[in-house]
Amino acid sequence: MAGEPDSATRWAPGYPSEGDALAARRFLDACARTGDPGPFCNYEIRCREDGRTIGGLGFHSPPDESGDVTIGYGLVPSARGRGYASEALRVLLEFARAHGVARVKGDAYLDNVASHRVMTAAGMRPAGQDEELRYFEITWTGPAVGAGPRS
């Protein structure tokens, strides 16, 4: 929350973004209200090449009574356009399915075509739009076969 890494952590320039700080505050507020969300929290996206944190992704909250979750993600500008967000989102979707989630939802501003491409590349499909946002989702029926979280 202080926006400064500890001595063992390496952050890419621009991390954390305002979105990352918002997600951290939302997570802490949810923990205070409802307790630990378990695996349905926020995660860092780290570059394999150098271990630096280049963004974040995660769940807005645990699954609701229908088994639905909403996700969010973001990368520092220098890491965009390299497929990192799509790769991270695919892993998060596998993780959600392996943990019994029935549907994952996400959204992006209408002019954020790059984010639309990320969600589509990860397997999510358009699910409508309003005057500000385009909505995406992926729905599963039946148990996950061979899906599981990766580290």
C-alpha atoms as a PDB file:
ATOM      1  CA  MET A   1       0.000   0.000   0.000  1.00  0.00           C
ATOM      2  CA  ALA A   2       2.971   2.319   0.505  1.00  0.00           C
ATOM      3  CA  GLY A   3       3.884   1.933  -3.167  1.00  0.00           C
ATOM      4  CA  GLU A   4       7.465   0.925  -2.396  1.00  0.00           C
ATOM      5  CA  PRO A   5       8.964  -2.557  -2.802  1.00  0.00           C
ATOM      6  CA  ASP A   6      10.818  -4.297  -0.022  1.00  0.00           C
ATOM      7  CA  SER A   7      14.519  -5.036  -0.511  1.00  0.00           C
ATOM      8  CA  ALA A   8      13.863  -8.489  -2.039  1.00  0.00           C
ATOM      9  CA  THR A   9      11.242  -7.330  -4.547  1.00  0.00           C
ATOM     10  CA  ARG A  10      11.890  -5.944  -8.021  1.00  0.00           C
ATOM     11  CA  TRP A  11       9.252  -3.794  -9.677  1.00  0.00           C
ATOM     12  CA  ALA A  12       9.263  -2.643 -13.269  1.00  0.00           C
ATOM     13  CA  PRO A  13       8.999   1.142 -13.700  1.00  0.00           C
ATOM     14  CA  GLY A  14       5.357   2.162 -13.399  1.00  0.00           C
ATOM     15  CA  TYR A  15       4.379  -0.597 -10.975  1.00  0.00           C
ATOM     16  CA  PRO A  16       2.149  -0.435  -9.027  1.00  0.00           C
ATOM     17  CA  SER A  17      -0.343   1.457 -11.161  1.00  0.00           C
ATOM     18  CA  GLU A  18      -3.403   3.243  -9.821  1.00  0.00           C
ATOM     19  CA  GLY A  19      -5.369   0.100 -10.753  1.00  0.00           C
ATOM     20  CA  ASP A  20      -3.013  -2.091  -8.716  1.00  0.00           C
ATOM     21  CA  ALA A  21      -3.374   0.201  -5.703  1.00  0.00           C
ATOM     22  CA  LEU A  22      -7.165   0.184  -6.107  1.00  0.00           C
ATOM     23  CA  ALA A  23      -7.176  -3.630  -6.262  1.00  0.00           C
ATOM     24  CA  ALA A  24      -5.040  -3.814  -3.107  1.00  0.00           C
ATOM     25  CA  ARG A  25      -7.401  -1.460  -1.252  1.00  0.00           C
ATOM     26  CA  ARG A  26     -10.439  -3.444  -2.459  1.00  0.00           C
ATOM     27  CA  PHE A  27      -8.793  -6.662  -1.272  1.00  0.00           C
ATOM     28  CA  LEU A  28      -7.978  -5.256   2.173  1.00  0.00           C
ATOM     29  CA  ASP A  29     -11.480  -3.798   2.550  1.00  0.00           C
ATOM     30  CA  ALA A  30     -13.026  -7.156   1.585  1.00  0.00           C
ATOM     31  CA  CYS A  31     -10.807  -8.986   4.087  1.00  0.00           C
ATOM     32  CA  ALA A  32     -11.905  -6.573   6.825  1.00  0.00           C
ATOM     33  CA  ARG A  33     -15.592  -7.082   5.950  1.00  0.00           C
ATOM     34  CA  THR A  34     -15.791 -10.782   5.114  1.00  0.00           C
ATOM     35  CA  GLY A  35     -12.473 -12.400   5.978  1.00  0.00           C
ATOM     36  CA  ASP A  36      -9.823 -14.085   3.868  1.00  0.00           C
ATOM     37  CA  PRO A  37     -11.056 -14.763   0.295  1.00  0.00           C
ATOM     38  CA  GLY A  38      -8.729 -17.752   0.015  1.00  0.00           C
ATOM     39  CA  PRO A  39      -7.308 -18.185  -3.458  1.00  0.00           C
ATOM     40  CA  PHE A  40      -9.689 -15.599  -4.929  1.00  0.00           C
ATOM     41  CA  CYS A  41      -7.359 -12.673  -4.328  1.00  0.00           C
ATOM     42  CA  ASN A  42      -4.878 -10.560  -6.304  1.00  0.00           C
ATOM     43  CA  TYR A  43      -1.651 -11.824  -7.843  1.00  0.00           C
ATOM     44  CA  GLU A  44       1.440 -10.198  -9.309  1.00  0.00           C
ATOM     45  CA  ILE A  45       2.482 -10.808 -12.897  1.00  0.00           C
ATOM     46  CA  ARG A  46       6.237 -11.340 -12.986  1.00  0.00           C
ATOM     47  CA  CYS A  47       8.478 -11.539 -16.018  1.00  0.00           C
ATOM     48  CA  ARG A  48      10.249 -14.900 -16.250  1.00  0.00           C
ATOM     49  CA  GLU A  49      13.362 -13.263 -17.711  1.00  0.00           C
ATOM     50  CA  ASP A  50      14.261 -11.098 -14.719  1.00  0.00           C
ATOM     51  CA  GLY A  51      11.629 -11.724 -12.020  1.00  0.00           C
ATOM     52  CA  ARG A  52      10.415  -8.129 -12.023  1.00  0.00           C
ATOM     53  CA  THR A  53       6.763  -7.468 -11.289  1.00  0.00           C
ATOM     54  CA  ILE A  54       5.216  -6.065 -14.458  1.00  0.00           C
ATOM     55  CA  GLY A  55       1.560  -5.993 -13.462  1.00  0.00           C
ATOM     56  CA  GLY A  56      -1.218  -7.598 -11.525  1.00  0.00           C
ATOM     57  CA  LEU A  57      -4.361  -9.625 -11.972  1.00  0.00           C
ATOM     58  CA  GLY A  58      -6.917 -11.259  -9.799  1.00  0.00           C
ATOM     59  CA  PHE A  59     -10.444 -11.630  -8.600  1.00  0.00           C
ATOM     60  CA  HIS A  60     -12.675  -8.830  -7.364  1.00  0.00           C
ATOM     61  CA  SER A  61     -14.142 -11.248  -4.795  1.00  0.00           C
ATOM     62  CA  PRO A  62     -14.757 -14.962  -4.198  1.00  0.00           C
ATOM     63  CA  PRO A  63     -17.402 -16.682  -6.343  1.00  0.00           C
ATOM     64  CA  ASP A  64     -20.972 -15.568  -5.744  1.00  0.00           C
ATOM     65  CA  GLU A  65     -23.886 -17.969  -5.101  1.00  0.00           C
ATOM     66  CA  SER A  66     -24.012 -18.792  -8.842  1.00  0.00           C
ATOM     67  CA  GLY A  67     -20.296 -19.606  -8.998  1.00  0.00           C
ATOM     68  CA  ASP A  68     -19.431 -16.412 -10.898  1.00  0.00           C
ATOM     69  CA  VAL A  69     -16.348 -14.257 -10.390  1.00  0.00           C
ATOM     70  CA  THR A  70     -15.181 -10.982 -11.896  1.00  0.00           C
ATOM     71  CA  ILE A  71     -11.532 -10.464 -12.795  1.00  0.00           C
ATOM     72  CA  GLY A  72      -9.262  -7.557 -13.490  1.00  0.00           C
ATOM     73  CA  TYR A  73      -5.692  -7.169 -14.738  1.00  0.00           C
ATOM     74  CA  GLY A  74      -3.158  -4.647 -15.885  1.00  0.00           C
ATOM     75  CA  LEU A  75       0.441  -4.317 -17.032  1.00  0.00           C
ATOM     76  CA  VAL A  76       2.979  -1.528 -16.869  1.00  0.00           C
ATOM     77  CA  PRO A  77       3.213   0.257 -20.239  1.00  0.00           C
ATOM     78  CA  SER A  78       6.655  -1.176 -21.069  1.00  0.00           C
ATOM     79  CA  ALA A  79       5.303  -4.763 -20.829  1.00  0.00           C
ATOM     80  CA  ARG A  80       2.239  -4.301 -23.020  1.00  0.00           C
ATOM     81  CA  GLY A  81       1.891  -5.840 -26.470  1.00  0.00           C
ATOM     82  CA  ARG A  82       4.058  -8.884 -25.715  1.00  0.00           C
ATOM     83  CA  GLY A  83       1.348 -11.412 -24.823  1.00  0.00           C
ATOM     84  CA  TYR A  84       2.035 -11.326 -21.073  1.00  0.00           C
ATOM     85  CA  ALA A  85      -1.510 -10.276 -20.136  1.00  0.00           C
ATOM     86  CA  SER A  86      -3.142 -12.971 -22.296  1.00  0.00           C
ATOM     87  CA  GLU A  87      -0.819 -15.627 -20.880  1.00  0.00           C
ATOM     88  CA  ALA A  88      -1.485 -14.539 -17.297  1.00  0.00           C
ATOM     89  CA  LEU A  89      -5.238 -14.359 -17.883  1.00  0.00           C
ATOM     90  CA  ARG A  90      -5.304 -17.875 -19.419  1.00  0.00           C
ATOM     91  CA  VAL A  91      -3.605 -19.205 -16.273  1.00  0.00           C
ATOM     92  CA  LEU A  92      -6.049 -17.314 -14.036  1.00  0.00           C
ATOM     93  CA  LEU A  93      -8.978 -18.781 -16.003  1.00  0.00           C
ATOM     94  CA  GLU A  94      -7.557 -22.310 -15.608  1.00  0.00           C
ATOM     95  CA  PHE A  95      -7.137 -21.616 -11.902  1.00  0.00           C
ATOM     96  CA  ALA A  96     -10.732 -20.389 -11.581  1.00  0.00           C
ATOM     97  CA  ARG A  97     -12.107 -23.431 -13.384  1.00  0.00           C
ATOM     98  CA  ALA A  98     -10.017 -25.820 -11.279  1.00  0.00           C
ATOM     99  CA  HIS A  99     -11.516 -24.150  -8.176  1.00  0.00           C
ATOM    100  CA  GLY A 100     -15.116 -24.719  -9.278  1.00  0.00           C
ATOM    101  CA  VAL A 101     -15.931 -21.356 -10.836  1.00  0.00           C
ATOM    102  CA  ALA A 102     -18.811 -21.566 -13.312  1.00  0.00           C
ATOM    103  CA  ARG A 103     -18.329 -18.218 -15.057  1.00  0.00           C
ATOM    104  CA  VAL A 104     -15.631 -15.549 -15.201  1.00  0.00           C
ATOM    105  CA  LYS A 105     -16.608 -12.017 -16.147  1.00  0.00           C
ATOM    106  CA  GLY A 106     -14.483  -9.026 -17.107  1.00  0.00           C
ATOM    107  CA  ASP A 107     -14.918  -5.651 -18.744  1.00  0.00           C
ATOM    108  CA  ALA A 108     -12.949  -2.907 -20.448  1.00  0.00           C
ATOM    109  CA  TYR A 109     -13.696   0.587 -21.677  1.00  0.00           C
ATOM    110  CA  LEU A 110     -15.027   0.671 -25.236  1.00  0.00           C
ATOM    111  CA  ASP A 111     -11.868   2.317 -26.549  1.00  0.00           C
ATOM    112  CA  ASN A 112      -9.532  -0.167 -24.818  1.00  0.00           C
ATOM    113  CA  VAL A 113      -9.224  -2.463 -27.825  1.00  0.00           C
ATOM    114  CA  ALA A 114      -5.996  -3.991 -26.474  1.00  0.00           C
ATOM    115  CA  SER A 115      -7.850  -5.274 -23.402  1.00  0.00           C
ATOM    116  CA  HIS A 116     -10.636  -6.621 -25.615  1.00  0.00           C
ATOM    117  CA  ARG A 117      -7.970  -8.575 -27.516  1.00  0.00           C
ATOM    118  CA  VAL A 118      -6.437  -9.892 -24.275  1.00  0.00           C
ATOM    119  CA  MET A 119      -9.739 -11.299 -23.031  1.00  0.00           C
ATOM    120  CA  THR A 120     -10.581 -12.763 -26.438  1.00  0.00           C
ATOM    121  CA  ALA A 121      -7.113 -14.346 -26.759  1.00  0.00           C
ATOM    122  CA  ALA A 122      -7.559 -15.914 -23.310  1.00  0.00           C
ATOM    123  CA  GLY A 123     -10.851 -17.526 -24.378  1.00  0.00           C
ATOM    124  CA  MET A 124     -13.415 -15.038 -23.104  1.00  0.00           C
ATOM    125  CA  ARG A 125     -16.194 -13.895 -25.421  1.00  0.00           C
ATOM    126  CA  PRO A 126     -18.057 -10.581 -25.761  1.00  0.00           C
ATOM    127  CA  ALA A 127     -21.179 -10.540 -23.579  1.00  0.00           C
ATOM    128  CA  GLY A 128     -22.622  -7.096 -24.286  1.00  0.00           C
ATOM    129  CA  GLN A 129     -21.774  -3.476 -23.763  1.00  0.00           C
ATOM    130  CA  ASP A 130     -23.162  -0.234 -22.427  1.00  0.00           C
ATOM    131  CA  GLU A 131     -22.230   3.380 -23.114  1.00  0.00           C
ATOM    132  CA  GLU A 132     -18.833   2.966 -21.367  1.00  0.00           C
ATOM    133  CA  LEU A 133     -17.841  -0.695 -21.190  1.00  0.00           C
ATOM    134  CA  ARG A 134     -17.654  -3.855 -23.258  1.00  0.00           C
ATOM    135  CA  TYR A 135     -18.286  -6.985 -21.195  1.00  0.00           C
ATOM    136  CA  PHE A 136     -16.629 -10.375 -21.650  1.00  0.00           C
ATOM    137  CA  GLU A 137     -17.157 -13.774 -20.068  1.00  0.00           C
ATOM    138  CA  ILE A 138     -16.348 -17.431 -20.229  1.00  0.00           C
ATOM    139  CA  THR A 139     -18.707 -20.100 -18.897  1.00  0.00           C
ATOM    140  CA  TRP A 140     -18.021 -23.750 -18.186  1.00  0.00           C
ATOM    141  CA  THR A 141     -20.351 -26.657 -17.650  1.00  0.00           C
ATOM    142  CA  GLY A 142     -19.213 -29.878 -16.032  1.00  0.00           C
ATOM    143  CA  PRO A 143     -16.017 -30.537 -14.156  1.00  0.00           C
ATOM    144  CA  ALA A 144     -12.645 -29.218 -15.260  1.00  0.00           C
ATOM    145  CA  VAL A 145     -10.653 -31.893 -17.041  1.00  0.00           C
ATOM    146  CA  GLY A 146      -6.902 -31.588 -16.670  1.00  0.00           C
ATOM    147  CA  ALA A 147      -7.146 -27.949 -15.630  1.00  0.00           C
ATOM    148  CA  GLY A 148      -5.142 -26.817 -12.683  1.00  0.00           C
ATOM    149  CA  PRO A 149      -3.157 -23.885 -11.404  1.00  0.00           C
ATOM    150  CA  ARG A 150       0.414 -23.373 -12.585  1.00  0.00           C
ATOM    151  CA  SER A 151       3.115 -21.580 -10.735  1.00  0.00           C
END
